[in-house]
PDB file of all heavy atoms in Angstrom:
ATOM      1  N   SER A   1     106.064  95.362 100.624  1.00  0.00           N
ATOM      2  CA  SER A   1     107.215  94.472 100.808  1.00  0.00           C
ATOM      3  C   SER A   1     107.619  93.855  99.473  1.00  0.00           C
ATOM      4  O   SER A   1     106.941  94.006  98.457  1.00  0.00           O
ATOM      5  CB  SER A   1     106.856  93.374 101.825  1.00  0.00           C
ATOM      6  OG  SER A   1     105.958  92.463 101.218  1.00  0.00           O
ATOM      7  N   GLY A   2     108.700  93.103  99.546  1.00  0.00           N
ATOM      8  CA  GLY A   2     109.135  92.370  98.359  1.00  0.00           C
ATOM      9  C   GLY A   2     108.129  91.331  97.886  1.00  0.00           C
ATOM     10  O   GLY A   2     108.118  90.961  96.714  1.00  0.00           O
ATOM     11  N   LEU A   3     107.283  90.887  98.804  1.00  0.00           N
ATOM     12  CA  LEU A   3     106.227  89.943  98.461  1.00  0.00           C
ATOM     13  C   LEU A   3     104.904  90.635  98.200  1.00  0.00           C
ATOM     14  O   LEU A   3     103.862  89.973  98.153  1.00  0.00           O
ATOM     15  CB  LEU A   3     106.085  88.900  99.566  1.00  0.00           C
ATOM     16  CG  LEU A   3     107.326  88.038  99.816  1.00  0.00           C
ATOM     17  CD1 LEU A   3     107.099  87.083 100.999  1.00  0.00           C
ATOM     18  CD2 LEU A   3     107.708  87.261  98.586  1.00  0.00           C
ATOM     19  N   HIS A   4     104.950  91.947  98.088  1.00  0.00           N
ATOM     20  CA  HIS A   4     103.777  92.774  97.770  1.00  0.00           C
ATOM     21  C   HIS A   4     102.764  92.866  98.907  1.00  0.00           C
ATOM     22  O   HIS A   4     101.604  93.184  98.671  1.00  0.00           O
ATOM     23  CB  HIS A   4     103.101  92.309  96.475  1.00  0.00           C
ATOM     24  CG  HIS A   4     103.929  92.530  95.252  1.00  0.00           C
ATOM     25  ND1 HIS A   4     103.432  93.106  94.103  1.00  0.00           N
ATOM     26  CD2 HIS A   4     105.208  92.274  94.994  1.00  0.00           C
ATOM     27  CE1 HIS A   4     104.388  93.185  93.189  1.00  0.00           C
ATOM     28  NE2 HIS A   4     105.475  92.699  93.719  1.00  0.00           N
ATOM     29  N   SER A   5     103.216  92.590 100.118  1.00  0.00           N
ATOM     30  CA  SER A   5     102.371  92.833 101.267  1.00  0.00           C
ATOM     31  C   SER A   5     102.350  94.338 101.539  1.00  0.00           C
ATOM     32  O   SER A   5     103.401  94.980 101.502  1.00  0.00           O
ATOM     33  CB  SER A   5     102.929  92.085 102.475  1.00  0.00           C
ATOM     34  OG  SER A   5     102.207  92.390 103.626  1.00  0.00           O
ATOM     35  N   THR A   6     101.164  94.883 101.794  1.00  0.00           N
ATOM     36  CA  THR A   6     101.045  96.325 101.931  1.00  0.00           C
ATOM     37  C   THR A   6     100.597  96.744 103.308  1.00  0.00           C
ATOM     38  O   THR A   6      99.964  95.985 104.057  1.00  0.00           O
ATOM     39  CB  THR A   6     100.046  96.877 100.888  1.00  0.00           C
ATOM     40  OG1 THR A   6      98.769  96.254 101.088  1.00  0.00           O
ATOM     41  CG2 THR A   6     100.530  96.637  99.473  1.00  0.00           C
ATOM     42  N   PHE A   7     100.929  98.005 103.629  1.00  0.00           N
ATOM     43  CA  PHE A   7     100.529  98.649 104.868  1.00  0.00           C
ATOM     44  C   PHE A   7     100.140 100.072 104.541  1.00  0.00           C
ATOM     45  O   PHE A   7     100.763 100.726 103.702  1.00  0.00           O
ATOM     46  CB  PHE A   7     101.667  98.648 105.881  1.00  0.00           C
ATOM     47  CG  PHE A   7     101.446  99.557 107.055  1.00  0.00           C
ATOM     48  CD1 PHE A   7     100.671  99.151 108.121  1.00  0.00           C
ATOM     49  CD2 PHE A   7     101.935 100.850 107.038  1.00  0.00           C
ATOM     50  CE1 PHE A   7     100.433 100.010 109.196  1.00  0.00           C
ATOM     51  CE2 PHE A   7     101.704 101.718 108.099  1.00  0.00           C
ATOM     52  CZ  PHE A   7     100.957 101.293 109.180  1.00  0.00           C
ATOM     53  N   TYR A   8      99.077 100.555 105.220  1.00  0.00           N
ATOM     54  CA  TYR A   8      98.621 101.949 105.046  1.00  0.00           C
ATOM     55  C   TYR A   8      98.387 102.562 106.421  1.00  0.00           C
ATOM     56  O   TYR A   8      97.835 101.921 107.290  1.00  0.00           O
ATOM     57  CB  TYR A   8      97.342 101.987 104.242  1.00  0.00           C
ATOM     58  CG  TYR A   8      97.448 101.412 102.860  1.00  0.00           C
ATOM     59  CD1 TYR A   8      97.128 100.082 102.587  1.00  0.00           C
ATOM     60  CD2 TYR A   8      97.918 102.183 101.795  1.00  0.00           C
ATOM     61  CE1 TYR A   8      97.271  99.548 101.338  1.00  0.00           C
ATOM     62  CE2 TYR A   8      98.043 101.650 100.518  1.00  0.00           C
ATOM     63  CZ  TYR A   8      97.721 100.346 100.305  1.00  0.00           C
ATOM     64  OH  TYR A   8      97.852  99.812  99.025  1.00  0.00           O
ATOM     65  N   ARG A   9      98.767 103.834 106.525  1.00  0.00           N
ATOM     66  CA  ARG A   9      98.392 104.530 107.753  1.00  0.00           C
ATOM     67  C   ARG A   9      96.862 104.712 107.739  1.00  0.00           C
ATOM     68  O   ARG A   9      96.236 104.758 106.669  1.00  0.00           O
ATOM     69  CB  ARG A   9      99.091 105.867 107.861  1.00  0.00           C
ATOM     70  CG  ARG A   9      98.781 106.848 106.764  1.00  0.00           C
ATOM     71  CD  ARG A   9      99.632 108.121 106.951  1.00  0.00           C
ATOM     72  NE  ARG A   9      99.274 108.847 108.155  1.00  0.00           N
ATOM     73  CZ  ARG A   9     100.068 109.744 108.722  1.00  0.00           C
ATOM     74  NH1 ARG A   9     101.274 109.972 108.246  1.00  0.00           N
ATOM     75  NH2 ARG A   9      99.676 110.382 109.812  1.00  0.00           N
ATOM     76  N   ASP A  10      96.275 104.806 108.914  1.00  0.00           N
ATOM     77  CA  ASP A  10      94.810 104.837 109.002  1.00  0.00           C
ATOM     78  C   ASP A  10      94.187 105.928 108.165  1.00  0.00           C
ATOM     79  O   ASP A  10      93.109 105.734 107.577  1.00  0.00           O
ATOM     80  CB  ASP A  10      94.399 105.003 110.475  1.00  0.00           C
ATOM     81  CG  ASP A  10      94.626 103.746 111.296  1.00  0.00           C
ATOM     82  OD1 ASP A  10      94.856 102.671 110.698  1.00  0.00           O
ATOM     83  OD2 ASP A  10      94.577 103.830 112.546  1.00  0.00           O
ATOM     84  N   SER A  11      94.813 107.085 108.096  1.00  0.00           N
ATOM     85  CA  SER A  11      94.183 108.240 107.434  1.00  0.00           C
ATOM     86  C   SER A  11      94.055 108.063 105.923  1.00  0.00           C
ATOM     87  O   SER A  11      93.322 108.828 105.293  1.00  0.00           O
ATOM     88  CB  SER A  11      94.980 109.505 107.729  1.00  0.00           C
ATOM     89  OG  SER A  11      96.299 109.406 107.226  1.00  0.00           O
ATOM     90  N   VAL A  12      94.734 107.058 105.337  1.00  0.00           N
ATOM     91  CA  VAL A  12      94.668 106.891 103.872  1.00  0.00           C
ATOM     92  C   VAL A  12      94.050 105.553 103.479  1.00  0.00           C
ATOM     93  O   VAL A  12      93.880 105.293 102.280  1.00  0.00           O
ATOM     94  CB  VAL A  12      96.046 107.046 103.217  1.00  0.00           C
ATOM     95  CG1 VAL A  12      96.685 108.381 103.605  1.00  0.00           C
ATOM     96  CG2 VAL A  12      96.980 105.899 103.544  1.00  0.00           C
ATOM     97  N   LYS A  13      93.732 104.734 104.437  1.00  0.00           N
ATOM     98  CA  LYS A  13      93.137 103.443 104.125  1.00  0.00           C
ATOM     99  C   LYS A  13      91.863 103.609 103.295  1.00  0.00           C
ATOM    100  O   LYS A  13      91.010 104.429 103.636  1.00  0.00           O
ATOM    101  CB  LYS A  13      92.817 102.660 105.409  1.00  0.00           C
ATOM    102  CG  LYS A  13      94.040 102.047 106.059  1.00  0.00           C
ATOM    103  CD  LYS A  13      93.645 101.276 107.321  1.00  0.00           C
ATOM    104  CE  LYS A  13      94.865 100.647 107.986  1.00  0.00           C
ATOM    105  NZ  LYS A  13      94.516  99.951 109.230  1.00  0.00           N
ATOM    106  N   GLY A  14      91.752 102.819 102.247  1.00  0.00           N
ATOM    107  CA  GLY A  14      90.582 102.915 101.376  1.00  0.00           C
ATOM    108  C   GLY A  14      90.666 103.992 100.335  1.00  0.00           C
ATOM    109  O   GLY A  14      89.847 104.071  99.438  1.00  0.00           O
ATOM    110  N   ARG A  15      91.656 104.890 100.439  1.00  0.00           N
ATOM    111  CA  ARG A  15      91.811 105.963  99.484  1.00  0.00           C
ATOM    112  C   ARG A  15      93.088 105.824  98.642  1.00  0.00           C
ATOM    113  O   ARG A  15      93.103 106.212  97.483  1.00  0.00           O
ATOM    114  CB  ARG A  15      91.850 107.318 100.211  1.00  0.00           C
ATOM    115  CG  ARG A  15      90.590 107.614 101.013  1.00  0.00           C
ATOM    116  CD  ARG A  15      90.586 109.047 101.523  1.00  0.00           C
ATOM    117  NE  ARG A  15      91.672 109.363 102.443  1.00  0.00           N
ATOM    118  CZ  ARG A  15      92.591 110.309 102.224  1.00  0.00           C
ATOM    119  NH1 ARG A  15      92.547 111.048 101.130  1.00  0.00           N
ATOM    120  NH2 ARG A  15      93.525 110.527 103.128  1.00  0.00           N
ATOM    121  N   PHE A  16      94.150 105.334  99.247  1.00  0.00           N
ATOM    122  CA  PHE A  16      95.432 105.213  98.555  1.00  0.00           C
ATOM    123  C   PHE A  16      95.776 103.768  98.295  1.00  0.00           C
ATOM    124  O   PHE A  16      95.414 102.873  99.071  1.00  0.00           O
ATOM    125  CB  PHE A  16      96.556 105.814  99.428  1.00  0.00           C
ATOM    126  CG  PHE A  16      96.552 107.316  99.569  1.00  0.00           C
ATOM    127  CD1 PHE A  16      95.452 108.088  99.184  1.00  0.00           C
ATOM    128  CD2 PHE A  16      97.662 107.966 100.098  1.00  0.00           C
ATOM    129  CE1 PHE A  16      95.446 109.445  99.326  1.00  0.00           C
ATOM    130  CE2 PHE A  16      97.664 109.349 100.237  1.00  0.00           C
ATOM    131  CZ  PHE A  16      96.563 110.091  99.863  1.00  0.00           C
ATOM    132  N   THR A  17      96.488 103.551  97.194  1.00  0.00           N
ATOM    133  CA  THR A  17      96.969 102.193  96.845  1.00  0.00           C
ATOM    134  C   THR A  17      98.413 102.264  96.425  1.00  0.00           C
ATOM    135  O   THR A  17      98.757 103.006  95.494  1.00  0.00           O
ATOM    136  CB  THR A  17      96.114 101.589  95.709  1.00  0.00           C
ATOM    137  OG1 THR A  17      94.745 101.556  96.093  1.00  0.00           O
ATOM    138  CG2 THR A  17      96.590 100.174  95.410  1.00  0.00           C
ATOM    139  N   ILE A  18      99.258 101.500  97.097  1.00  0.00           N
ATOM    140  CA  ILE A  18     100.652 101.421  96.728  1.00  0.00           C
ATOM    141  C   ILE A  18     100.898 100.193  95.875  1.00  0.00           C
ATOM    142  O   ILE A  18     100.289  99.135  96.096  1.00  0.00           O
ATOM    143  CB  ILE A  18     101.567 101.410  97.985  1.00  0.00           C
ATOM    144  CG1 ILE A  18     103.040 101.546  97.605  1.00  0.00           C
ATOM    145  CG2 ILE A  18     101.318 100.165  98.833  1.00  0.00           C
ATOM    146  CD1 ILE A  18     103.967 101.763  98.828  1.00  0.00           C
ATOM    147  N   SER A  19     101.768 100.328  94.878  1.00  0.00           N
ATOM    148  CA  SER A  19     102.093  99.182  94.014  1.00  0.00           C
ATOM    149  C   SER A  19     103.529  99.352  93.548  1.00  0.00           C
ATOM    150  O   SER A  19     104.139 100.396  93.737  1.00  0.00           O
ATOM    151  CB  SER A  19     101.135  99.108  92.824  1.00  0.00           C
ATOM    152  OG  SER A  19     101.213 100.263  92.024  1.00  0.00           O
ATOM    153  N   ARG A  20     104.041  98.304  92.948  1.00  0.00           N
ATOM    154  CA  ARG A  20     105.416  98.336  92.493  1.00  0.00           C
ATOM    155  C   ARG A  20     105.557  97.560  91.199  1.00  0.00           C
ATOM    156  O   ARG A  20     104.832  96.589  90.982  1.00  0.00           O
ATOM    157  CB  ARG A  20     106.346  97.764  93.563  1.00  0.00           C
ATOM    158  CG  ARG A  20     105.977  96.349  93.984  1.00  0.00           C
ATOM    159  CD  ARG A  20     106.717  95.912  95.233  1.00  0.00           C
ATOM    160  NE  ARG A  20     108.113  95.627  94.932  1.00  0.00           N
ATOM    161  CZ  ARG A  20     109.045  95.441  95.855  1.00  0.00           C
ATOM    162  NH1 ARG A  20     108.728  95.535  97.122  1.00  0.00           N
ATOM    163  NH2 ARG A  20     110.275  95.150  95.504  1.00  0.00           N
ATOM    164  N   ASP A  21     106.488  97.996  90.361  1.00  0.00           N
ATOM    165  CA  ASP A  21     106.828  97.302  89.139  1.00  0.00           C
ATOM    166  C   ASP A  21     108.310  97.043  89.180  1.00  0.00           C
ATOM    167  O   ASP A  21     109.122  97.930  88.861  1.00  0.00           O
ATOM    168  CB  ASP A  21     106.404  98.148  87.919  1.00  0.00           C
ATOM    169  CG  ASP A  21     106.640  97.407  86.598  1.00  0.00           C
ATOM    170  OD1 ASP A  21     107.488  96.515  86.539  1.00  0.00           O
ATOM    171  OD2 ASP A  21     105.946  97.768  85.644  1.00  0.00           O
ATOM    172  N   ASP A  22     108.699  95.847  89.595  1.00  0.00           N
ATOM    173  CA  ASP A  22     110.111  95.560  89.772  1.00  0.00           C
ATOM    174  C   ASP A  22     110.899  95.650  88.471  1.00  0.00           C
ATOM    175  O   ASP A  22     112.067  96.032  88.471  1.00  0.00           O
ATOM    176  CB  ASP A  22     110.275  94.151  90.370  1.00  0.00           C
ATOM    177  CG  ASP A  22     109.758  94.080  91.793  1.00  0.00           C
ATOM    178  OD1 ASP A  22     109.428  95.144  92.351  1.00  0.00           O
ATOM    179  OD2 ASP A  22     109.701  92.963  92.366  1.00  0.00           O
ATOM    180  N   ALA A  23     110.258  95.286  87.354  1.00  0.00           N
ATOM    181  CA  ALA A  23     110.955  95.361  86.069  1.00  0.00           C
ATOM    182  C   ALA A  23     111.322  96.778  85.703  1.00  0.00           C
ATOM    183  O   ALA A  23     112.317  97.016  85.007  1.00  0.00           O
ATOM    184  CB  ALA A  23     110.077  94.747  84.983  1.00  0.00           C
ATOM    185  N   LYS A  24     110.504  97.749  86.164  1.00  0.00           N
ATOM    186  CA  LYS A  24     110.782  99.148  85.864  1.00  0.00           C
ATOM    187  C   LYS A  24     111.442  99.880  87.036  1.00  0.00           C
ATOM    188  O   LYS A  24     111.663 101.071  86.948  1.00  0.00           O
ATOM    189  CB  LYS A  24     109.470  99.846  85.508  1.00  0.00           C
ATOM    190  CG  LYS A  24     108.828  99.348  84.233  1.00  0.00           C
ATOM    191  CD  LYS A  24     107.550 100.128  83.920  1.00  0.00           C
ATOM    192  CE  LYS A  24     106.928  99.640  82.608  1.00  0.00           C
ATOM    193  NZ  LYS A  24     105.669 100.383  82.297  1.00  0.00           N
ATOM    194  N   ASN A  25     111.716  99.158  88.115  1.00  0.00           N
ATOM    195  CA  ASN A  25     112.295  99.779  89.313  1.00  0.00           C
ATOM    196  C   ASN A  25     111.487 101.007  89.746  1.00  0.00           C
ATOM    197  O   ASN A  25     112.020 102.057  90.071  1.00  0.00           O
ATOM    198  CB  ASN A  25     113.749 100.197  89.068  1.00  0.00           C
ATOM    199  CG  ASN A  25     114.648  98.999  88.905  1.00  0.00           C
ATOM    200  OD1 ASN A  25     114.528  98.028  89.645  1.00  0.00           O
ATOM    201  ND2 ASN A  25     115.542  99.050  87.927  1.00  0.00           N
ATOM    202  N   THR A  26     110.169 100.845  89.743  1.00  0.00           N
ATOM    203  CA  THR A  26     109.281 101.967  90.017  1.00  0.00           C
ATOM    204  C   THR A  26     108.230 101.571  91.040  1.00  0.00           C
ATOM    205  O   THR A  26     107.705 100.449  91.001  1.00  0.00           O
ATOM    206  CB  THR A  26     108.618 102.465  88.740  1.00  0.00           C
ATOM    207  OG1 THR A  26     109.616 102.826  87.799  1.00  0.00           O
ATOM    208  CG2 THR A  26     107.717 103.660  89.015  1.00  0.00           C
ATOM    209  N   VAL A  27     107.954 102.495  91.951  1.00  0.00           N
ATOM    210  CA  VAL A  27     106.901 102.321  92.944  1.00  0.00           C
ATOM    211  C   VAL A  27     105.849 103.411  92.687  1.00  0.00           C
ATOM    212  O   VAL A  27     106.209 104.538  92.373  1.00  0.00           O
ATOM    213  CB  VAL A  27     107.449 102.451  94.372  1.00  0.00           C
ATOM    214  CG1 VAL A  27     106.357 102.203  95.394  1.00  0.00           C
ATOM    215  CG2 VAL A  27     108.615 101.499  94.590  1.00  0.00           C
ATOM    216  N   TYR A  28     104.596 103.032  92.841  1.00  0.00           N
ATOM    217  CA  TYR A  28     103.498 103.977  92.557  1.00  0.00           C
ATOM    218  C   TYR A  28     102.666 104.181  93.816  1.00  0.00           C
ATOM    219  O   TYR A  28     102.594 103.308  94.688  1.00  0.00           O
ATOM    220  CB  TYR A  28     102.609 103.427  91.451  1.00  0.00           C
ATOM    221  CG  TYR A  28     103.331 103.140  90.155  1.00  0.00           C
ATOM    222  CD1 TYR A  28     103.758 101.848  89.851  1.00  0.00           C
ATOM    223  CD2 TYR A  28     103.600 104.156  89.236  1.00  0.00           C
ATOM    224  CE1 TYR A  28     104.419 101.561  88.655  1.00  0.00           C
ATOM    225  CE2 TYR A  28     104.268 103.880  88.053  1.00  0.00           C
ATOM    226  CZ  TYR A  28     104.666 102.583  87.772  1.00  0.00           C
ATOM    227  OH  TYR A  28     105.333 102.308  86.596  1.00  0.00           O
ATOM    228  N   LEU A  29     102.004 105.321  93.860  1.00  0.00           N
ATOM    229  CA  LEU A  29     101.001 105.563  94.884  1.00  0.00           C
ATOM    230  C   LEU A  29      99.810 106.193  94.186  1.00  0.00           C
ATOM    231  O   LEU A  29      99.887 107.336  93.713  1.00  0.00           O
ATOM    232  CB  LEU A  29     101.535 106.481  95.974  1.00  0.00           C
ATOM    233  CG  LEU A  29     100.577 106.679  97.153  1.00  0.00           C
ATOM    234  CD1 LEU A  29     100.442 105.382  97.960  1.00  0.00           C
ATOM    235  CD2 LEU A  29     101.052 107.812  98.057  1.00  0.00           C
ATOM    236  N   GLN A  30      98.735 105.450  94.086  1.00  0.00           N
ATOM    237  CA  GLN A  30      97.486 105.975  93.554  1.00  0.00           C
ATOM    238  C   GLN A  30      96.727 106.595  94.701  1.00  0.00           C
ATOM    239  O   GLN A  30      96.343 105.917  95.653  1.00  0.00           O
ATOM    240  CB  GLN A  30      96.653 104.848  92.898  1.00  0.00           C
ATOM    241  CG  GLN A  30      95.314 105.308  92.371  1.00  0.00           C
ATOM    242  CD  GLN A  30      95.460 106.246  91.181  1.00  0.00           C
ATOM    243  OE1 GLN A  30      96.275 106.030  90.306  1.00  0.00           O
ATOM    244  NE2 GLN A  30      94.681 107.336  91.174  1.00  0.00           N
ATOM    245  N   ALA A  31      96.536 107.900  94.616  1.00  0.00           N
ATOM    246  CA  ALA A  31      95.891 108.646  95.690  1.00  0.00           C
ATOM    247  C   ALA A  31      94.541 109.168  95.206  1.00  0.00           C
ATOM    248  O   ALA A  31      94.508 110.014  94.312  1.00  0.00           O
ATOM    249  CB  ALA A  31      96.788 109.793  96.121  1.00  0.00           C
ATOM    250  N   ASN A  32      93.476 108.608  95.764  1.00  0.00           N
ATOM    251  CA  ASN A  32      92.120 109.000  95.408  1.00  0.00           C
ATOM    252  C   ASN A  32      91.440 109.726  96.557  1.00  0.00           C
ATOM    253  O   ASN A  32      91.901 109.674  97.711  1.00  0.00           O
ATOM    254  CB  ASN A  32      91.301 107.770  95.035  1.00  0.00           C
ATOM    255  CG  ASN A  32      91.873 107.025  93.828  1.00  0.00           C
ATOM    256  OD1 ASN A  32      92.448 107.615  92.937  1.00  0.00           O
ATOM    257  ND2 ASN A  32      91.675 105.706  93.799  1.00  0.00           N
ATOM    258  N   SER A  33      90.342 110.368  96.261  1.00  0.00           N
ATOM    259  CA  SER A  33      89.559 111.084  97.292  1.00  0.00           C
ATOM    260  C   SER A  33      90.470 111.956  98.157  1.00  0.00           C
ATOM    261  O   SER A  33      90.376 111.917  99.385  1.00  0.00           O
ATOM    262  CB  SER A  33      88.802 110.071  98.155  1.00  0.00           C
ATOM    263  OG  SER A  33      87.960 109.269  97.383  1.00  0.00           O
ATOM    264  N   LEU A  34      91.301 112.718  97.496  1.00  0.00           N
ATOM    265  CA  LEU A  34      92.281 113.519  98.222  1.00  0.00           C
ATOM    266  C   LEU A  34      91.601 114.564  99.104  1.00  0.00           C
ATOM    267  O   LEU A  34      90.569 115.122  98.754  1.00  0.00           O
ATOM    268  CB  LEU A  34      93.239 114.177  97.249  1.00  0.00           C
ATOM    269  CG  LEU A  34      94.297 113.227  96.688  1.00  0.00           C
ATOM    270  CD1 LEU A  34      94.897 113.768  95.389  1.00  0.00           C
ATOM    271  CD2 LEU A  34      95.398 113.008  97.723  1.00  0.00           C
ATOM    272  N   LYS A  35      92.250 114.793 100.257  1.00  0.00           N
ATOM    273  CA  LYS A  35      91.757 115.766 101.227  1.00  0.00           C
ATOM    274  C   LYS A  35      92.794 116.865 101.457  1.00  0.00           C
ATOM    275  O   LYS A  35      93.986 116.632 101.240  1.00  0.00           O
ATOM    276  CB  LYS A  35      91.479 115.040 102.547  1.00  0.00           C
ATOM    277  CG  LYS A  35      90.489 113.890 102.459  1.00  0.00           C
ATOM    278  CD  LYS A  35      90.331 113.197 103.806  1.00  0.00           C
ATOM    279  CE  LYS A  35      89.351 112.050 103.720  1.00  0.00           C
ATOM    280  NZ  LYS A  35      89.192 111.367 105.050  1.00  0.00           N
ATOM    281  N   PRO A  36      92.384 117.997 101.940  1.00  0.00           N
ATOM    282  CA  PRO A  36      93.341 119.074 102.206  1.00  0.00           C
ATOM    283  C   PRO A  36      94.483 118.622 103.126  1.00  0.00           C
ATOM    284  O   PRO A  36      95.632 119.083 102.952  1.00  0.00           O
ATOM    285  CB  PRO A  36      92.493 120.168 102.861  1.00  0.00           C
ATOM    286  CG  PRO A  36      91.154 119.969 102.246  1.00  0.00           C
ATOM    287  CD  PRO A  36      90.984 118.487 102.124  1.00  0.00           C
ATOM    288  N   GLU A  37      94.199 117.730 104.055  1.00  0.00           N
ATOM    289  CA  GLU A  37      95.247 117.276 104.973  1.00  0.00           C
ATOM    290  C   GLU A  37      96.286 116.356 104.310  1.00  0.00           C
ATOM    291  O   GLU A  37      97.276 115.994 104.941  1.00  0.00           O
ATOM    292  CB  GLU A  37      94.661 116.563 106.193  1.00  0.00           C
ATOM    293  CG  GLU A  37      93.658 115.482 105.872  1.00  0.00           C
ATOM    294  CD  GLU A  37      92.212 115.964 105.923  1.00  0.00           C
ATOM    295  OE1 GLU A  37      91.941 117.085 105.424  1.00  0.00           O
ATOM    296  OE2 GLU A  37      91.361 115.202 106.435  1.00  0.00           O
ATOM    297  N   ASP A  38      96.049 115.975 103.065  1.00  0.00           N
ATOM    298  CA  ASP A  38      97.052 115.219 102.306  1.00  0.00           C
ATOM    299  C   ASP A  38      98.117 116.130 101.713  1.00  0.00           C
ATOM    300  O   ASP A  38      99.087 115.665 101.120  1.00  0.00           O
ATOM    301  CB  ASP A  38      96.394 114.440 101.178  1.00  0.00           C
ATOM    302  CG  ASP A  38      95.434 113.369 101.677  1.00  0.00           C
ATOM    303  OD1 ASP A  38      95.757 112.687 102.671  1.00  0.00           O
ATOM    304  OD2 ASP A  38      94.346 113.226 101.072  1.00  0.00           O
ATOM    305  N   THR A  39      97.902 117.421 101.827  1.00  0.00           N
ATOM    306  CA  THR A  39      98.859 118.394 101.274  1.00  0.00           C
ATOM    307  C   THR A  39     100.227 118.226 101.908  1.00  0.00           C
ATOM    308  O   THR A  39     100.340 118.157 103.135  1.00  0.00           O
ATOM    309  CB  THR A  39      98.340 119.827 101.500  1.00  0.00           C
ATOM    310  OG1 THR A  39      97.154 120.009 100.715  1.00  0.00           O
ATOM    311  CG2 THR A  39      99.398 120.842 101.107  1.00  0.00           C
TER     312      THR A  39
END
């Protein structure tokens, strides 16, 4: 959200992290411990 509140679907909790840099108008998704079903 605009206040940096986050939500994750159950299958990615603990593995993915979403973040945003408003100054750069950019949103990131750090995806760790990737699984074949993330394809």
